[in-house]
Amino acid sequence: MVINGNDYQGAKSCYFESHLKFQITTSEIILTRKNKKMSWGVNISNIIAKLYDGLEIYSATVQSLDERGIAKKCGLKERHQILEVNGQSVRGWQSEDLKKEFLENTSVTVVVITVEDRSITDLFLMANREHDLSYLWALRKLVKLSICNIDLSKDGLDLSAITTTLYELIVTNCSLKCITQLQGIGRLKSLKRLILTHNALDTLDARTMLKLHELTDLQLGYNQMKEFPIVLTKMVHLEELSLIHNQISNVPEDIIQMRSLEKLHLDNNVLTELPQYVTLQLPQLRALTLENNRFKDSPDRSSYSSDTLASRKKFFFKIGVTDNSLAQN
């Protein structure tokens, strides 16, 4: 799949296709009154959402409107959630802060989101949607989040207030240099699938990765890794791992600790040999692809044939560029 001239082979294009129609729609509404004694005619419901690690997020939702009030005439609607007031995010505010802004000003500019968008479960953001990043905290039901072509090399991305029910996170072609630039990612206790392809990652922060206890699918293709990240060998629940198009030269023996690993993709690296423990000591391994590496000699299929491999159903073993004889079905 190609988006804006970029090839997203390693990012599982089907995921992108399922996200394209979901985007945040916000509205800016300017409320004005002649003097401070006039009523805005709006009743706002104040909710404090308590999240993991004691984090609290303030939510301001329009509960009701006076039919003759200023707010109604200016375009504010019931069930609108207020995201910003006079250019300030309401995230972290107390109810008194919001009331003060309305009471002390004759002109109030608010940014709101509809109840429908607030209930988004599947969101895709691209380069022209950077402003939406600051509103992610408002999406309480978000399950899948895809971010593409937004430069995160300088400021990163704050995930500290995002819902802990997030299941899938895709951050691709965002010039990400370190996983710690995804601030608060360790809080995402339900995260099952993480795709960080087409970035500038050369290492992985062990402390951060080991917090992702539920992760089963990790895609790190098209980065700048020169070594197989040793922390991955401690992530015993991983079932699928892709490190294609990096600069990895060897596979550590510690990989045998990955007892749940079913699919391993190491195509387009600089491997010179394939240790037998990769194929013989990973009991759940069903697919191993190693195309376009630098093997000194084409590995002999018989060297990796054993009762262990023969007993596996539909084991797929592919190495080299055109040698399809190595596929076992």
Protein backbone atom coordinates (compact mmCIF):
# COMPACT_ATOMS: atom_id res chain seq x y z
CA MET A 1 0.00 0.00 0.00
CA VAL A 2 1.26 3.48 -0.84
CA ILE A 3 0.19 6.61 1.04
CA ASN A 4 1.54 10.00 -0.05
CA GLY A 5 4.28 8.27 -2.01
CA ASN A 6 5.41 6.10 0.90
CA ASP A 7 5.43 2.31 0.84
CA TYR A 8 3.77 0.84 3.94
CA GLN A 9 4.44 -2.83 3.28
CA GLY A 10 5.73 -3.41 6.79
CA ALA A 11 2.86 -1.56 8.44
CA LYS A 12 0.07 -3.93 7.48
CA SER A 13 -1.93 -1.90 4.99
CA CYS A 14 -5.25 -3.50 5.91
CA TYR A 15 -5.10 -1.69 9.24
CA PHE A 16 -4.78 1.66 7.49
CA GLU A 17 -7.73 0.96 5.25
CA SER A 18 -9.90 0.30 8.29
CA HIS A 19 -8.92 3.63 9.86
CA LEU A 20 -9.22 6.13 7.02
CA LYS A 21 -12.83 7.12 7.59
CA PHE A 22 -12.38 7.93 11.28
CA GLN A 23 -11.18 11.43 12.13
CA ILE A 24 -11.89 13.90 14.91
CA THR A 25 -14.21 16.74 13.92
CA THR A 26 -13.94 19.76 16.19
CA SER A 27 -15.72 23.08 16.05
CA GLU A 28 -14.69 26.51 17.29
CA ILE A 29 -17.57 28.55 18.70
CA ILE A 30 -17.31 32.18 19.78
CA LEU A 31 -19.74 33.19 22.52
CA THR A 32 -20.31 36.90 23.19
CA ARG A 33 -22.52 38.89 25.54
CA LYS A 34 -22.96 42.61 26.13
CA ASN A 35 -22.12 42.59 29.84
CA LYS A 36 -21.15 40.22 32.65
CA LYS A 37 -24.64 40.25 34.17
CA MET A 38 -26.20 38.55 31.17
CA SER A 39 -26.63 34.78 31.51
CA TRP A 40 -24.95 32.45 29.09
CA GLY A 41 -27.88 30.06 29.42
CA VAL A 42 -25.75 26.93 29.60
CA ASN A 43 -25.53 24.17 32.19
CA ILE A 44 -22.28 22.22 32.09
CA SER A 45 -21.83 18.78 33.57
CA ASN A 46 -18.46 18.41 35.27
CA ILE A 47 -16.82 15.01 35.37
CA ILE A 48 -13.45 14.02 36.79
CA ALA A 49 -12.24 10.81 35.18
CA LYS A 50 -9.71 8.97 37.32
CA LEU A 51 -7.21 7.01 35.28
CA TYR A 52 -4.29 4.69 35.97
CA ASP A 53 -1.55 5.93 38.32
CA GLY A 54 -3.90 8.46 39.91
CA LEU A 55 -4.12 10.62 36.78
CA GLU A 56 -7.29 12.75 36.65
CA ILE A 57 -8.84 14.17 33.49
CA TYR A 58 -11.45 16.90 33.63
CA SER A 59 -14.39 16.54 31.25
CA ALA A 60 -16.79 19.42 30.58
CA THR A 61 -19.96 18.39 28.76
CA VAL A 62 -22.87 20.65 27.85
CA GLN A 63 -25.77 19.14 29.77
CA SER A 64 -28.56 21.57 28.86
CA LEU A 65 -29.11 24.93 27.17
CA ASP A 66 -31.63 27.72 27.70
CA GLU A 67 -33.57 28.09 24.45
CA ARG A 68 -33.28 31.87 24.74
CA GLY A 69 -29.71 31.89 26.06
CA ILE A 70 -26.65 33.31 24.36
CA ALA A 71 -24.85 29.94 24.14
CA LYS A 72 -27.71 28.35 22.21
CA LYS A 73 -27.87 31.21 19.72
CA CYS A 74 -24.10 31.08 19.16
CA GLY A 75 -24.17 27.42 18.14
CA LEU A 76 -23.37 25.48 21.30
CA LYS A 77 -25.32 22.23 21.47
CA GLU A 78 -26.28 19.79 24.18
CA ARG A 79 -23.77 16.94 24.72
CA HIS A 80 -20.94 18.95 23.17
CA GLN A 81 -17.74 18.27 25.08
CA ILE A 82 -15.59 21.33 25.65
CA LEU A 83 -11.92 20.78 24.78
CA GLU A 84 -10.54 24.33 24.95
CA VAL A 85 -11.62 27.65 26.41
CA ASN A 86 -9.96 30.85 25.16
CA GLY A 87 -7.10 28.85 23.67
CA GLN A 88 -6.45 26.81 26.83
CA SER A 89 -7.02 23.07 27.04
CA VAL A 90 -9.42 22.11 29.83
CA ARG A 91 -7.45 18.93 30.45
CA GLY A 92 -6.54 18.91 34.14
CA TRP A 93 -8.92 21.76 35.02
CA GLN A 94 -11.26 21.77 37.98
CA SER A 95 -14.90 22.80 37.53
CA GLU A 96 -14.17 26.14 39.21
CA ASP A 97 -11.65 26.98 36.49
CA LEU A 98 -14.26 26.61 33.77
CA LYS A 99 -16.90 28.59 35.62
CA LYS A 100 -14.42 31.40 36.20
CA GLU A 101 -13.65 31.69 32.47
CA PHE A 102 -17.33 32.00 31.64
CA LEU A 103 -18.23 34.37 34.48
CA GLU A 104 -15.36 36.82 34.08
CA ASN A 105 -15.44 37.29 30.30
CA THR A 106 -17.93 38.82 27.91
CA SER A 107 -16.40 36.88 25.03
CA VAL A 108 -15.50 33.19 25.29
CA THR A 109 -14.09 31.06 22.47
CA VAL A 110 -14.57 27.33 22.93
CA VAL A 111 -13.45 24.32 20.92
CA VAL A 112 -15.90 21.45 21.17
CA ILE A 113 -16.28 17.88 20.02
CA THR A 114 -19.56 16.09 19.36
CA VAL A 115 -20.71 13.13 21.42
CA GLU A 116 -20.41 10.96 18.28
CA ASP A 117 -16.73 11.82 17.79
CA ARG A 118 -16.08 11.50 21.50
CA SER A 119 -17.17 7.87 21.17
CA ILE A 120 -14.69 7.09 18.36
CA THR A 121 -13.07 3.69 18.82
CA ASP A 122 -10.85 3.68 15.72
CA LEU A 123 -8.87 6.80 14.77
CA PHE A 124 -6.46 7.58 11.91
CA LEU A 125 -4.44 10.84 11.90
CA MET A 126 -2.19 12.09 9.11
CA ALA A 127 0.09 15.08 8.51
CA ASN A 128 -2.70 17.60 8.18
CA ARG A 129 -4.29 16.58 11.47
CA GLU A 130 -1.57 17.49 13.97
CA HIS A 131 -3.92 19.55 16.14
CA ASP A 132 -5.96 16.44 16.91
CA LEU A 133 -3.06 15.00 18.91
CA SER A 134 -3.84 17.38 21.77
CA TYR A 135 -7.42 16.08 21.93
CA LEU A 136 -6.68 12.36 22.24
CA TRP A 137 -7.36 12.50 25.99
CA ALA A 138 -11.03 13.24 25.26
CA LEU A 139 -11.62 9.97 23.40
CA ARG A 140 -12.59 7.69 26.23
CA LYS A 141 -13.51 4.67 24.07
CA LEU A 142 -10.51 4.60 21.75
CA VAL A 143 -9.37 1.07 20.88
CA LYS A 144 -7.20 1.60 17.77
CA LEU A 145 -5.01 4.61 17.01
CA SER A 146 -2.98 5.12 13.81
CA ILE A 147 -0.68 8.12 13.31
CA CYS A 148 1.10 8.58 9.99
CA ASN A 149 3.40 11.24 8.49
CA ILE A 150 3.43 13.50 11.57
CA ASP A 151 6.94 14.54 12.64
CA LEU A 152 7.40 13.44 16.27
CA SER A 153 11.20 13.73 16.33
CA LYS A 154 11.20 16.91 18.43
CA ASP A 155 8.20 16.81 20.78
CA GLY A 156 7.16 13.18 20.64
CA LEU A 157 3.60 12.19 21.48
CA ASP A 158 1.92 12.41 24.88
CA LEU A 159 -0.08 9.24 25.53
CA SER A 160 -0.20 9.71 29.29
CA ALA A 161 -3.89 10.61 29.35
CA ILE A 162 -5.12 8.28 26.62
CA THR A 163 -7.57 5.54 27.50
CA THR A 164 -5.95 2.43 28.98
CA THR A 165 -8.25 0.26 26.85
CA LEU A 166 -6.21 0.97 23.69
CA TYR A 167 -5.67 -2.33 21.90
CA GLU A 168 -3.68 -1.34 18.81
CA LEU A 169 -1.22 1.52 18.25
CA ILE A 170 0.37 2.37 14.88
CA VAL A 171 2.95 5.16 14.62
CA THR A 172 4.59 5.06 11.21
CA ASN A 173 6.76 7.43 9.18
CA CYS A 174 6.89 9.87 12.10
CA SER A 175 10.71 10.20 12.49
CA LEU A 176 10.48 8.54 15.90
CA LYS A 177 13.99 8.15 17.37
CA CYS A 178 13.22 6.48 20.69
CA ILE A 179 10.18 4.71 22.07
CA THR A 180 10.28 6.95 25.14
CA GLN A 181 9.13 9.75 22.82
CA LEU A 182 5.76 8.02 23.08
CA GLN A 183 5.28 9.41 26.57
CA GLY A 184 3.11 7.25 28.80
CA ILE A 185 3.00 4.25 26.47
CA GLY A 186 3.80 2.02 29.44
CA ARG A 187 0.35 2.81 30.85
CA LEU A 188 -1.36 1.06 27.95
CA LYS A 189 -1.90 -2.19 29.79
CA SER A 190 -4.32 -3.59 27.20
CA LEU A 191 -2.06 -2.99 24.18
CA LYS A 192 -1.84 -6.11 22.03
CA ARG A 193 -0.44 -4.80 18.74
CA LEU A 194 2.28 -2.16 18.31
CA ILE A 195 3.47 -1.06 14.87
CA LEU A 196 6.38 1.42 14.70
CA THR A 197 7.55 0.94 11.12
CA HIS A 198 9.30 3.53 8.93
CA ASN A 199 10.87 5.48 11.79
CA ALA A 200 14.43 6.12 13.04
CA LEU A 201 14.56 3.71 15.98
CA ASP A 202 18.00 2.22 16.69
CA THR A 203 17.35 0.80 20.17
CA LEU A 204 14.43 0.02 22.48
CA ASP A 205 14.11 1.24 26.05
CA ALA A 206 13.90 -1.95 28.14
CA ARG A 207 12.01 -0.40 31.05
CA THR A 208 9.30 0.89 28.72
CA MET A 209 8.94 -2.30 26.69
CA LEU A 210 8.65 -4.57 29.72
CA LYS A 211 5.59 -2.65 30.89
CA LEU A 212 3.67 -3.86 27.83
CA HIS A 213 2.72 -7.18 29.38
CA GLU A 214 -0.13 -7.98 26.96
CA LEU A 215 1.74 -7.25 23.72
CA THR A 216 1.56 -10.13 21.23
CA ASP A 217 2.33 -8.46 17.89
CA LEU A 218 5.31 -6.11 17.41
CA GLN A 219 6.27 -4.62 14.03
CA LEU A 220 9.60 -2.72 13.92
CA GLY A 221 10.44 -2.89 10.24
CA TYR A 222 12.16 -0.10 8.31
CA ASN A 223 14.13 1.35 11.22
CA GLN A 224 17.85 1.69 12.00
CA MET A 225 18.53 -1.18 14.39
CA LYS A 226 21.98 -2.74 14.15
CA GLU A 227 21.39 -5.31 16.88
CA PHE A 228 18.51 -7.59 17.75
CA PRO A 229 16.90 -5.79 20.76
CA ILE A 230 17.73 -8.10 23.66
CA VAL A 231 14.77 -6.84 25.68
CA LEU A 232 12.46 -8.58 23.21
CA THR A 233 13.71 -11.96 24.39
CA LYS A 234 12.15 -11.17 27.77
CA MET A 235 8.74 -10.43 26.27
CA VAL A 236 7.51 -13.98 26.57
CA HIS A 237 3.98 -13.28 25.30
CA LEU A 238 5.07 -12.05 21.87
CA GLU A 239 3.59 -14.19 19.10
CA GLU A 240 4.65 -12.21 16.05
CA LEU A 241 7.81 -10.13 15.58
CA SER A 242 8.92 -8.26 12.47
CA LEU A 243 12.33 -6.61 12.22
CA ILE A 244 12.51 -6.41 8.43
CA HIS A 245 14.61 -3.76 6.70
CA ASN A 246 17.00 -3.02 9.57
CA GLN A 247 20.75 -3.66 9.88
CA ILE A 248 20.73 -6.62 12.25
CA SER A 249 23.75 -8.91 11.89
CA ASN A 250 22.97 -11.73 14.34
CA VAL A 251 20.21 -13.38 16.34
CA PRO A 252 21.07 -13.85 20.04
CA GLU A 253 20.70 -17.24 21.68
CA ASP A 254 18.43 -15.60 24.27
CA ILE A 255 15.72 -15.71 21.63
CA ILE A 256 14.93 -19.23 22.83
CA GLN A 257 13.20 -17.60 25.82
CA MET A 258 10.45 -16.39 23.47
CA ARG A 259 8.40 -19.53 23.95
CA SER A 260 5.20 -18.03 22.47
CA LEU A 261 6.77 -16.78 19.23
CA GLU A 262 4.91 -18.07 16.17
CA LYS A 263 6.10 -15.74 13.39
CA LEU A 264 9.54 -14.19 12.98
CA HIS A 265 10.40 -11.91 10.07
CA LEU A 266 14.04 -10.85 9.57
CA ASP A 267 14.08 -10.11 5.86
CA ASN A 268 16.42 -7.44 4.47
CA ASN A 269 18.98 -7.34 7.26
CA VAL A 270 22.69 -8.23 7.22
CA LEU A 271 22.57 -11.70 8.75
CA THR A 272 25.46 -13.94 7.71
CA GLU A 273 24.27 -17.16 9.34
CA LEU A 274 21.18 -18.75 10.81
CA PRO A 275 21.79 -20.42 14.19
CA GLN A 276 19.97 -23.73 14.56
CA TYR A 277 18.47 -22.70 17.89
CA VAL A 278 16.22 -20.32 15.97
CA THR A 279 14.42 -23.16 14.24
CA LEU A 280 14.88 -25.95 16.76
CA GLN A 281 14.32 -24.34 20.15
CA LEU A 282 11.30 -22.11 19.55
CA PRO A 283 8.46 -24.60 20.04
CA GLN A 284 5.62 -22.44 18.68
CA LEU A 285 7.45 -21.05 15.63
CA ARG A 286 5.37 -21.53 12.48
CA ALA A 287 6.82 -18.96 10.09
CA LEU A 288 10.40 -17.77 9.60
CA THR A 289 11.35 -15.45 6.72
CA LEU A 290 14.92 -14.33 6.05
CA GLU A 291 15.00 -13.06 2.47
CA ASN A 292 17.71 -10.70 1.23
CA ASN A 293 20.36 -11.14 3.92
CA ARG A 294 24.11 -11.79 3.54
CA PHE A 295 24.45 -15.51 4.13
CA LYS A 296 27.88 -16.73 3.09
CA ASP A 297 26.42 -20.03 1.98
CA SER A 298 22.83 -20.76 1.21
CA PRO A 299 21.66 -22.77 4.26
CA ASP A 300 21.04 -26.40 3.53
CA ARG A 301 17.42 -27.20 4.17
CA SER A 302 18.42 -30.58 5.55
CA SER A 303 20.40 -28.83 8.29
CA TYR A 304 17.14 -27.54 9.71
CA SER A 305 15.01 -30.60 9.16
CA SER A 306 14.25 -32.62 12.24
CA ASP A 307 11.48 -34.50 13.93
CA THR A 308 10.71 -31.26 15.74
CA LEU A 309 10.13 -29.32 12.52
CA ALA A 310 8.43 -32.21 10.78
CA SER A 311 5.87 -32.40 13.57
CA ARG A 312 4.78 -28.80 13.09
CA LYS A 313 1.78 -28.21 10.90
CA LYS A 314 2.17 -25.67 8.09
CA PHE A 315 5.67 -24.59 9.05
CA PHE A 316 6.88 -21.93 6.61
CA PHE A 317 10.63 -21.46 6.21
CA LYS A 318 11.83 -19.06 3.54
CA ILE A 319 15.34 -17.86 2.88
CA GLY A 320 16.99 -16.28 -0.14
CA VAL A 321 15.31 -14.37 -2.95
CA THR A 322 13.89 -16.89 -5.37
CA ASP A 323 14.33 -20.26 -3.70
CA ASN A 324 10.75 -21.29 -3.08
CA SER A 325 11.75 -24.89 -2.45
CA LEU A 326 12.34 -24.01 1.17
CA ALA A 327 8.64 -23.51 1.90
CA GLN A 328 7.23 -26.40 3.87
CA ASN A 329 3.48 -26.93 4.01
